[in-house]
Amino acid sequence: MIKTIEIIGKQVESKTGNKFVAYKAVMKDGAKIQCKFRKECGNPKFMRGYIDVESTDCNISHSSDYPTLWVSKFTNEREYQHKDEVADLF
């Protein structure tokens, strides 16, 4: 079963000065959880968008203080389309 997941990326810098993009995944209820991608999968091209993931290619880890969505492979990515018109928002 293919799931479409909204992701939001943010450029951050570690204490040692390394820069990277930290991702959050938006769940159905609007809550955001940390999202990480396996090295062989690669990162999405967009800072905000949608990815399609087979349900067998992702899992949620509860081994730290906050849950983390791990993605091992995504099939499609689309950039978030910003809505400028008020009529489109409501």
PDB file of N, CA and C in Angstrom:
ATOM      1  N   MET A   1       0.842  -1.173   0.000  1.00  0.00           N
ATOM      2  CA  MET A   1       0.000   0.000   0.000  1.00  0.00           C
ATOM      3  C   MET A   1       0.893   1.244   0.000  1.00  0.00           C
ATOM      4  N   ILE A   2       0.629   2.153  -0.905  1.00  0.00           N
ATOM      5  CA  ILE A   2       1.434   3.365  -1.019  1.00  0.00           C
ATOM      6  C   ILE A   2       0.832   4.470  -0.153  1.00  0.00           C
ATOM      7  N   LYS A   3       1.690   5.107   0.634  1.00  0.00           N
ATOM      8  CA  LYS A   3       1.304   6.226   1.502  1.00  0.00           C
ATOM      9  C   LYS A   3       1.931   7.505   0.960  1.00  0.00           C
ATOM     10  N   THR A   4       1.183   8.597   0.972  1.00  0.00           N
ATOM     11  CA  THR A   4       1.716   9.907   0.612  1.00  0.00           C
ATOM     12  C   THR A   4       1.979  10.666   1.901  1.00  0.00           C
ATOM     13  N   ILE A   5       3.226  11.096   2.072  1.00  0.00           N
ATOM     14  CA  ILE A   5       3.654  11.745   3.313  1.00  0.00           C
ATOM     15  C   ILE A   5       4.114  13.165   2.998  1.00  0.00           C
ATOM     16  N   GLU A   6       3.577  14.123   3.749  1.00  0.00           N
ATOM     17  CA  GLU A   6       4.040  15.508   3.615  1.00  0.00           C
ATOM     18  C   GLU A   6       5.290  15.676   4.453  1.00  0.00           C
ATOM     19  N   ILE A   7       6.323  16.275   3.861  1.00  0.00           N
ATOM     20  CA  ILE A   7       7.573  16.495   4.589  1.00  0.00           C
ATOM     21  C   ILE A   7       7.938  17.969   4.549  1.00  0.00           C
ATOM     22  N   ILE A   8       8.615  18.406   5.609  1.00  0.00           N
ATOM     23  CA  ILE A   8       9.080  19.788   5.726  1.00  0.00           C
ATOM     24  C   ILE A   8      10.544  19.732   6.137  1.00  0.00           C
ATOM     25  N   GLY A   9      11.409  20.372   5.358  1.00  0.00           N
ATOM     26  CA  GLY A   9      12.839  20.386   5.652  1.00  0.00           C
ATOM     27  C   GLY A   9      13.287  21.741   6.158  1.00  0.00           C
ATOM     28  N   LYS A  10      14.330  21.738   6.970  1.00  0.00           N
ATOM     29  CA  LYS A  10      14.875  22.971   7.524  1.00  0.00           C
ATOM     30  C   LYS A  10      16.395  22.831   7.577  1.00  0.00           C
ATOM     31  N   GLN A  11      17.098  23.838   7.048  1.00  0.00           N
ATOM     32  CA  GLN A  11      18.561  23.839   7.085  1.00  0.00           C
ATOM     33  C   GLN A  11      19.013  24.123   8.517  1.00  0.00           C
ATOM     34  N   VAL A  12      19.839  23.246   9.078  1.00  0.00           N
ATOM     35  CA  VAL A  12      20.341  23.421  10.438  1.00  0.00           C
ATOM     36  C   VAL A  12      21.850  23.226  10.454  1.00  0.00           C
ATOM     37  N   GLU A  13      22.458  23.670  11.550  1.00  0.00           N
ATOM     38  CA  GLU A  13      23.900  23.533  11.699  1.00  0.00           C
ATOM     39  C   GLU A  13      24.188  22.857  13.037  1.00  0.00           C
ATOM     40  N   SER A  14      25.061  21.845  13.008  1.00  0.00           N
ATOM     41  CA  SER A  14      25.403  21.129  14.235  1.00  0.00           C
ATOM     42  C   SER A  14      26.384  21.952  15.068  1.00  0.00           C
ATOM     43  N   LYS A  15      26.662  21.489  16.269  1.00  0.00           N
ATOM     44  CA  LYS A  15      27.592  22.191  17.153  1.00  0.00           C
ATOM     45  C   LYS A  15      28.998  22.251  16.563  1.00  0.00           C
ATOM     46  N   THR A  16      29.334  21.263  15.716  1.00  0.00           N
ATOM     47  CA  THR A  16      30.664  21.229  15.098  1.00  0.00           C
ATOM     48  C   THR A  16      30.728  22.039  13.806  1.00  0.00           C
ATOM     49  N   GLY A  17      29.606  22.610  13.382  1.00  0.00           N
ATOM     50  CA  GLY A  17      29.591  23.452  12.199  1.00  0.00           C
ATOM     51  C   GLY A  17      29.131  22.766  10.922  1.00  0.00           C
ATOM     52  N   ASN A  18      28.768  21.482  11.008  1.00  0.00           N
ATOM     53  CA  ASN A  18      28.276  20.774   9.824  1.00  0.00           C
ATOM     54  C   ASN A  18      26.849  21.211   9.517  1.00  0.00           C
ATOM     55  N   LYS A  19      26.587  21.517   8.245  1.00  0.00           N
ATOM     56  CA  LYS A  19      25.242  21.916   7.839  1.00  0.00           C
ATOM     57  C   LYS A  19      24.538  20.732   7.190  1.00  0.00           C
ATOM     58  N   PHE A  20      23.254  20.594   7.503  1.00  0.00           N
ATOM     59  CA  PHE A  20      22.438  19.520   6.927  1.00  0.00           C
ATOM     60  C   PHE A  20      20.975  19.930   6.979  1.00  0.00           C
ATOM     61  N   VAL A  21      20.140  19.147   6.326  1.00  0.00           N
ATOM     62  CA  VAL A  21      18.702  19.421   6.320  1.00  0.00           C
ATOM     63  C   VAL A  21      18.021  18.440   7.267  1.00  0.00           C
ATOM     64  N   ALA A  22      17.274  18.961   8.228  1.00  0.00           N
ATOM     65  CA  ALA A  22      16.491  18.133   9.153  1.00  0.00           C
ATOM     66  C   ALA A  22      15.051  18.124   8.640  1.00  0.00           C
ATOM     67  N   TYR A  23      14.465  16.938   8.552  1.00  0.00           N
ATOM     68  CA  TYR A  23      13.113  16.805   8.008  1.00  0.00           C
ATOM     69  C   TYR A  23      12.110  16.435   9.094  1.00  0.00           C
ATOM     70  N   LYS A  24      10.896  16.916   8.909  1.00  0.00           N
ATOM     71  CA  LYS A  24       9.746  16.532   9.732  1.00  0.00           C
ATOM     72  C   LYS A  24       8.702  15.943   8.796  1.00  0.00           C
ATOM     73  N   ALA A  25       7.967  14.959   9.284  1.00  0.00           N
ATOM     74  CA  ALA A  25       6.844  14.383   8.550  1.00  0.00           C
ATOM     75  C   ALA A  25       5.565  14.820   9.253  1.00  0.00           C
ATOM     76  N   VAL A  26       4.560  15.171   8.466  1.00  0.00           N
ATOM     77  CA  VAL A  26       3.283  15.613   9.016  1.00  0.00           C
ATOM     78  C   VAL A  26       2.332  14.422   9.029  1.00  0.00           C
ATOM     79  N   MET A  27       1.823  14.088  10.207  1.00  0.00           N
ATOM     80  CA  MET A  27       0.916  12.952  10.342  1.00  0.00           C
ATOM     81  C   MET A  27      -0.515  13.390  10.021  1.00  0.00           C
ATOM     82  N   LYS A  28      -1.438  12.428   9.964  1.00  0.00           N
ATOM     83  CA  LYS A  28      -2.832  12.706   9.616  1.00  0.00           C
ATOM     84  C   LYS A  28      -3.473  13.748  10.517  1.00  0.00           C
ATOM     85  N   ASP A  29      -3.145  13.720  11.811  1.00  0.00           N
ATOM     86  CA  ASP A  29      -3.754  14.649  12.763  1.00  0.00           C
ATOM     87  C   ASP A  29      -3.053  16.011  12.800  1.00  0.00           C
ATOM     88  N   GLY A  30      -2.045  16.208  11.938  1.00  0.00           N
ATOM     89  CA  GLY A  30      -1.331  17.475  11.877  1.00  0.00           C
ATOM     90  C   GLY A  30      -0.086  17.525  12.738  1.00  0.00           C
ATOM     91  N   ALA A  31       0.118  16.520  13.572  1.00  0.00           N
ATOM     92  CA  ALA A  31       1.314  16.466  14.411  1.00  0.00           C
ATOM     93  C   ALA A  31       2.539  16.207  13.531  1.00  0.00           C
ATOM     94  N   LYS A  32       3.676  16.743  13.943  1.00  0.00           N
ATOM     95  CA  LYS A  32       4.915  16.565  13.186  1.00  0.00           C
ATOM     96  C   LYS A  32       5.850  15.653  13.960  1.00  0.00           C
ATOM     97  N   ILE A  33       6.474  14.717  13.240  1.00  0.00           N
ATOM     98  CA  ILE A  33       7.475  13.854  13.852  1.00  0.00           C
ATOM     99  C   ILE A  33       8.750  13.944  13.022  1.00  0.00           C
ATOM    100  N   GLN A  34       9.851  13.623  13.657  1.00  0.00           N
ATOM    101  CA  GLN A  34      11.137  13.649  12.970  1.00  0.00           C
ATOM    102  C   GLN A  34      11.127  12.615  11.847  1.00  0.00           C
ATOM    103  N   CYS A  35      11.730  12.951  10.706  1.00  0.00           N
ATOM    104  CA  CYS A  35      11.777  12.061   9.551  1.00  0.00           C
ATOM    105  C   CYS A  35      13.221  11.955   9.089  1.00  0.00           C
ATOM    106  N   LYS A  36      13.699  10.719   8.938  1.00  0.00           N
ATOM    107  CA  LYS A  36      15.071  10.493   8.484  1.00  0.00           C
ATOM    108  C   LYS A  36      15.045   9.535   7.300  1.00  0.00           C
ATOM    109  N   PHE A  37      16.036   9.709   6.428  1.00  0.00           N
ATOM    110  CA  PHE A  37      16.143   8.889   5.230  1.00  0.00           C
ATOM    111  C   PHE A  37      17.421   8.074   5.282  1.00  0.00           C
ATOM    112  N   ARG A  38      17.337   6.809   4.919  1.00  0.00           N
ATOM    113  CA  ARG A  38      18.526   5.953   4.857  1.00  0.00           C
ATOM    114  C   ARG A  38      19.471   6.492   3.779  1.00  0.00           C
ATOM    115  N   LYS A  39      20.779   6.235   3.939  1.00  0.00           N
ATOM    116  CA  LYS A  39      21.768   6.749   2.994  1.00  0.00           C
ATOM    117  C   LYS A  39      21.507   6.259   1.578  1.00  0.00           C
ATOM    118  N   GLU A  40      21.158   4.989   1.421  1.00  0.00           N
ATOM    119  CA  GLU A  40      20.935   4.434   0.082  1.00  0.00           C
ATOM    120  C   GLU A  40      19.700   5.034  -0.594  1.00  0.00           C
ATOM    121  N   CYS A  41      18.813   5.608   0.196  1.00  0.00           N
ATOM    122  CA  CYS A  41      17.587   6.226  -0.318  1.00  0.00           C
ATOM    123  C   CYS A  41      17.853   7.635  -0.839  1.00  0.00           C
ATOM    124  N   GLY A  42      18.675   8.398  -0.143  1.00  0.00           N
ATOM    125  CA  GLY A  42      18.916   9.791  -0.506  1.00  0.00           C
ATOM    126  C   GLY A  42      17.851  10.704   0.074  1.00  0.00           C
ATOM    127  N   ASN A  43      18.105  11.999   0.026  1.00  0.00           N
ATOM    128  CA  ASN A  43      17.149  12.986   0.539  1.00  0.00           C
ATOM    129  C   ASN A  43      16.283  13.524  -0.585  1.00  0.00           C
ATOM    130  N   PRO A  44      15.073  13.979  -0.272  1.00  0.00           N
ATOM    131  CA  PRO A  44      14.234  14.615  -1.288  1.00  0.00           C
ATOM    132  C   PRO A  44      14.879  15.900  -1.805  1.00  0.00           C
ATOM    133  N   LYS A  45      14.483  16.310  -3.010  1.00  0.00           N
ATOM    134  CA  LYS A  45      15.048  17.510  -3.627  1.00  0.00           C
ATOM    135  C   LYS A  45      14.462  18.787  -3.056  1.00  0.00           C
ATOM    136  N   PHE A  46      13.264  18.705  -2.489  1.00  0.00           N
ATOM    137  CA  PHE A  46      12.553  19.895  -2.050  1.00  0.00           C
ATOM    138  C   PHE A  46      12.614  20.041  -0.537  1.00  0.00           C
ATOM    139  N   MET A  47      12.541  21.296  -0.070  1.00  0.00           N
ATOM    140  CA  MET A  47      12.489  21.558   1.368  1.00  0.00           C
ATOM    141  C   MET A  47      11.091  21.296   1.922  1.00  0.00           C
ATOM    142  N   ARG A  48      10.078  21.425   1.071  1.00  0.00           N
ATOM    143  CA  ARG A  48       8.720  21.115   1.498  1.00  0.00           C
ATOM    144  C   ARG A  48       8.010  20.456   0.337  1.00  0.00           C
ATOM    145  N   GLY A  49       7.395  19.321   0.615  1.00  0.00           N
ATOM    146  CA  GLY A  49       6.717  18.616  -0.464  1.00  0.00           C
ATOM    147  C   GLY A  49       6.079  17.336   0.017  1.00  0.00           C
ATOM    148  N   TYR A  50       5.827  16.450  -0.925  1.00  0.00           N
ATOM    149  CA  TYR A  50       5.181  15.169  -0.648  1.00  0.00           C
ATOM    150  C   TYR A  50       6.023  14.051  -1.240  1.00  0.00           C
ATOM    151  N   ILE A  51       6.113  12.941  -0.534  1.00  0.00           N
ATOM    152  CA  ILE A  51       6.778  11.764  -1.060  1.00  0.00           C
ATOM    153  C   ILE A  51       5.802  10.592  -0.990  1.00  0.00           C
ATOM    154  N   ASP A  52       5.919   9.685  -1.948  1.00  0.00           N
ATOM    155  CA  ASP A  52       5.127   8.455  -1.945  1.00  0.00           C
ATOM    156  C   ASP A  52       6.023   7.331  -1.454  1.00  0.00           C
ATOM    157  N   VAL A  53       5.544   6.608  -0.442  1.00  0.00           N
ATOM    158  CA  VAL A  53       6.329   5.555   0.193  1.00  0.00           C
ATOM    159  C   VAL A  53       5.485   4.297   0.297  1.00  0.00           C
ATOM    160  N   GLU A  54       6.049   3.178  -0.094  1.00  0.00           N
ATOM    161  CA  GLU A  54       5.401   1.882   0.120  1.00  0.00           C
ATOM    162  C   GLU A  54       5.412   1.619   1.631  1.00  0.00           C
ATOM    163  N   SER A  55       4.334   1.090   2.157  1.00  0.00           N
ATOM    164  CA  SER A  55       4.226   0.907   3.613  1.00  0.00           C
ATOM    165  C   SER A  55       5.306  -0.035   4.159  1.00  0.00           C
ATOM    166  N   THR A  56       5.865  -0.886   3.312  1.00  0.00           N
ATOM    167  CA  THR A  56       6.938  -1.786   3.755  1.00  0.00           C
ATOM    168  C   THR A  56       8.304  -1.104   3.746  1.00  0.00           C
ATOM    169  N   ASP A  57       8.394   0.102   3.161  1.00  0.00           N
ATOM    170  CA  ASP A  57       9.671   0.815   3.052  1.00  0.00           C
ATOM    171  C   ASP A  57       9.817   1.923   4.077  1.00  0.00           C
ATOM    172  N   CYS A  58       8.980   1.927   5.125  1.00  0.00           N
ATOM    173  CA  CYS A  58       9.112   2.922   6.184  1.00  0.00           C
ATOM    174  C   CYS A  58       8.659   2.307   7.507  1.00  0.00           C
ATOM    175  N   ASN A  59       9.166   2.863   8.583  1.00  0.00           N
ATOM    176  CA  ASN A  59       8.729   2.428   9.911  1.00  0.00           C
ATOM    177  C   ASN A  59       8.953   3.561  10.911  1.00  0.00           C
ATOM    178  N   ILE A  60       8.275   3.480  12.032  1.00  0.00           N
ATOM    179  CA  ILE A  60       8.419   4.480  13.083  1.00  0.00           C
ATOM    180  C   ILE A  60       9.178   3.862  14.247  1.00  0.00           C
ATOM    181  N   SER A  61      10.267   4.508  14.616  1.00  0.00           N
ATOM    182  CA  SER A  61      11.097   4.052  15.725  1.00  0.00           C
ATOM    183  C   SER A  61      10.731   4.841  16.974  1.00  0.00           C
ATOM    184  N   HIS A  62      10.569   4.136  18.081  1.00  0.00           N
ATOM    185  CA  HIS A  62      10.256   4.768  19.367  1.00  0.00           C
ATOM    186  C   HIS A  62      11.418   4.599  20.340  1.00  0.00           C
ATOM    187  N   SER A  63      12.637   4.399  19.807  1.00  0.00           N
ATOM    188  CA  SER A  63      13.790   4.118  20.664  1.00  0.00           C
ATOM    189  C   SER A  63      14.375   5.364  21.331  1.00  0.00           C
ATOM    190  N   SER A  64      13.986   6.568  20.876  1.00  0.00           N
ATOM    191  CA  SER A  64      14.469   7.797  21.516  1.00  0.00           C
ATOM    192  C   SER A  64      13.304   8.484  22.225  1.00  0.00           C
ATOM    193  N   ASP A  65      13.544   9.674  22.721  1.00  0.00           N
ATOM    194  CA  ASP A  65      12.506  10.412  23.448  1.00  0.00           C
ATOM    195  C   ASP A  65      11.314  10.754  22.567  1.00  0.00           C
ATOM    196  N   TYR A  66      11.579  10.988  21.264  1.00  0.00           N
ATOM    197  CA  TYR A  66      10.520  11.344  20.318  1.00  0.00           C
ATOM    198  C   TYR A  66      10.504  10.324  19.188  1.00  0.00           C
ATOM    199  N   PRO A  67       9.333  10.012  18.646  1.00  0.00           N
ATOM    200  CA  PRO A  67       9.272   9.045  17.550  1.00  0.00           C
ATOM    201  C   PRO A  67       9.941   9.585  16.284  1.00  0.00           C
ATOM    202  N   THR A  68      10.518   8.675  15.498  1.00  0.00           N
ATOM    203  CA  THR A  68      11.193   9.029  14.259  1.00  0.00           C
ATOM    204  C   THR A  68      10.682   8.142  13.138  1.00  0.00           C
ATOM    205  N   LEU A  69      10.285   8.752  12.031  1.00  0.00           N
ATOM    206  CA  LEU A  69       9.899   8.010  10.843  1.00  0.00           C
ATOM    207  C   LEU A  69      11.154   7.764  10.015  1.00  0.00           C
ATOM    208  N   TRP A  70      11.480   6.495   9.783  1.00  0.00           N
ATOM    209  CA  TRP A  70      12.619   6.113   8.956  1.00  0.00           C
ATOM    210  C   TRP A  70      12.101   5.665   7.597  1.00  0.00           C
ATOM    211  N   VAL A  71      12.645   6.261   6.531  1.00  0.00           N
ATOM    212  CA  VAL A  71      12.244   5.929   5.159  1.00  0.00           C
ATOM    213  C   VAL A  71      13.437   5.277   4.472  1.00  0.00           C
ATOM    214  N   SER A  72      13.232   4.071   3.936  1.00  0.00           N
ATOM    215  CA  SER A  72      14.324   3.387   3.244  1.00  0.00           C
ATOM    216  C   SER A  72      14.235   3.543   1.732  1.00  0.00           C
ATOM    217  N   LYS A  73      13.056   3.896   1.216  1.00  0.00           N
ATOM    218  CA  LYS A  73      12.907   4.107  -0.225  1.00  0.00           C
ATOM    219  C   LYS A  73      11.605   4.860  -0.490  1.00  0.00           C
ATOM    220  N   PHE A  74      11.669   5.883  -1.334  1.00  0.00           N
ATOM    221  CA  PHE A  74      10.447   6.554  -1.771  1.00  0.00           C
ATOM    222  C   PHE A  74      10.415   6.548  -3.293  1.00  0.00           C
ATOM    223  N   THR A  75       9.197   6.491  -3.847  1.00  0.00           N
ATOM    224  CA  THR A  75       9.063   6.292  -5.283  1.00  0.00           C
ATOM    225  C   THR A  75       8.820   7.586  -6.052  1.00  0.00           C
ATOM    226  N   ASN A  76       8.211   8.559  -5.438  1.00  0.00           N
ATOM    227  CA  ASN A  76       7.837   9.784  -6.145  1.00  0.00           C
ATOM    228  C   ASN A  76       7.928  10.952  -5.176  1.00  0.00           C
ATOM    229  N   GLU A  77       8.317  12.110  -5.672  1.00  0.00           N
ATOM    230  CA  GLU A  77       8.335  13.313  -4.834  1.00  0.00           C
ATOM    231  C   GLU A  77       7.761  14.483  -5.617  1.00  0.00           C
ATOM    232  N   ARG A  78       7.004  15.296  -4.900  1.00  0.00           N
ATOM    233  CA  ARG A  78       6.357  16.462  -5.502  1.00  0.00           C
ATOM    234  C   ARG A  78       6.555  17.654  -4.580  1.00  0.00           C
ATOM    235  N   GLU A  79       6.830  18.805  -5.169  1.00  0.00           N
ATOM    236  CA  GLU A  79       7.014  20.014  -4.381  1.00  0.00           C
ATOM    237  C   GLU A  79       5.657  20.526  -3.904  1.00  0.00           C
ATOM    238  N   TYR A  80       5.652  21.101  -2.714  1.00  0.00           N
ATOM    239  CA  TYR A  80       4.441  21.679  -2.130  1.00  0.00           C
ATOM    240  C   TYR A  80       4.005  22.864  -2.973  1.00  0.00           C
ATOM    241  N   GLN A  81       2.729  22.934  -3.306  1.00  0.00           N
ATOM    242  CA  GLN A  81       2.183  24.041  -4.079  1.00  0.00           C
ATOM    243  C   GLN A  81       1.546  25.051  -3.131  1.00  0.00           C
ATOM    244  N   HIS A  82       2.154  26.221  -3.036  1.00  0.00           N
ATOM    245  CA  HIS A  82       1.663  27.279  -2.144  1.00  0.00           C
ATOM    246  C   HIS A  82       0.397  27.893  -2.728  1.00  0.00           C
ATOM    247  N   LYS A  83      -0.625  28.069  -1.901  1.00  0.00           N
ATOM    248  CA  LYS A  83      -1.887  28.671  -2.333  1.00  0.00           C
ATOM    249  C   LYS A  83      -1.894  30.137  -1.936  1.00  0.00           C
ATOM    250  N   ASP A  84      -1.981  31.017  -2.935  1.00  0.00           N
ATOM    251  CA  ASP A  84      -1.955  32.439  -2.677  1.00  0.00           C
ATOM    252  C   ASP A  84      -3.349  33.041  -2.504  1.00  0.00           C
ATOM    253  N   GLU A  85      -4.330  32.441  -3.109  1.00  0.00           N
ATOM    254  CA  GLU A  85      -5.666  33.002  -3.088  1.00  0.00           C
ATOM    255  C   GLU A  85      -6.397  32.612  -1.800  1.00  0.00           C
ATOM    256  N   VAL A  86      -7.080  33.555  -1.195  1.00  0.00           N
ATOM    257  CA  VAL A  86      -7.846  33.301   0.024  1.00  0.00           C
ATOM    258  C   VAL A  86      -8.927  32.262  -0.258  1.00  0.00           C
ATOM    259  N   ALA A  87      -9.528  32.321  -1.452  1.00  0.00           N
ATOM    260  CA  ALA A  87     -10.581  31.376  -1.818  1.00  0.00           C
ATOM    261  C   ALA A  87     -10.062  29.936  -1.828  1.00  0.00           C
ATOM    262  N   ASP A  88      -8.789  29.744  -2.139  1.00  0.00           N
ATOM    263  CA  ASP A  88      -8.207  28.398  -2.159  1.00  0.00           C
ATOM    264  C   ASP A  88      -7.949  27.859  -0.759  1.00  0.00           C
ATOM    265  N   LEU A  89      -7.825  28.768   0.209  1.00  0.00           N
ATOM    266  CA  LEU A  89      -7.505  28.353   1.576  1.00  0.00           C
ATOM    267  C   LEU A  89      -8.721  27.946   2.393  1.00  0.00           C
ATOM    268  N   PHE A  90      -9.884  28.487   2.071  1.00  0.00           N
ATOM    269  CA  PHE A  90     -11.077  28.222   2.877  1.00  0.00           C
ATOM    270  C   PHE A  90     -12.192  27.680   2.029  1.00  0.00           C
TER     271      PHE A  90
END
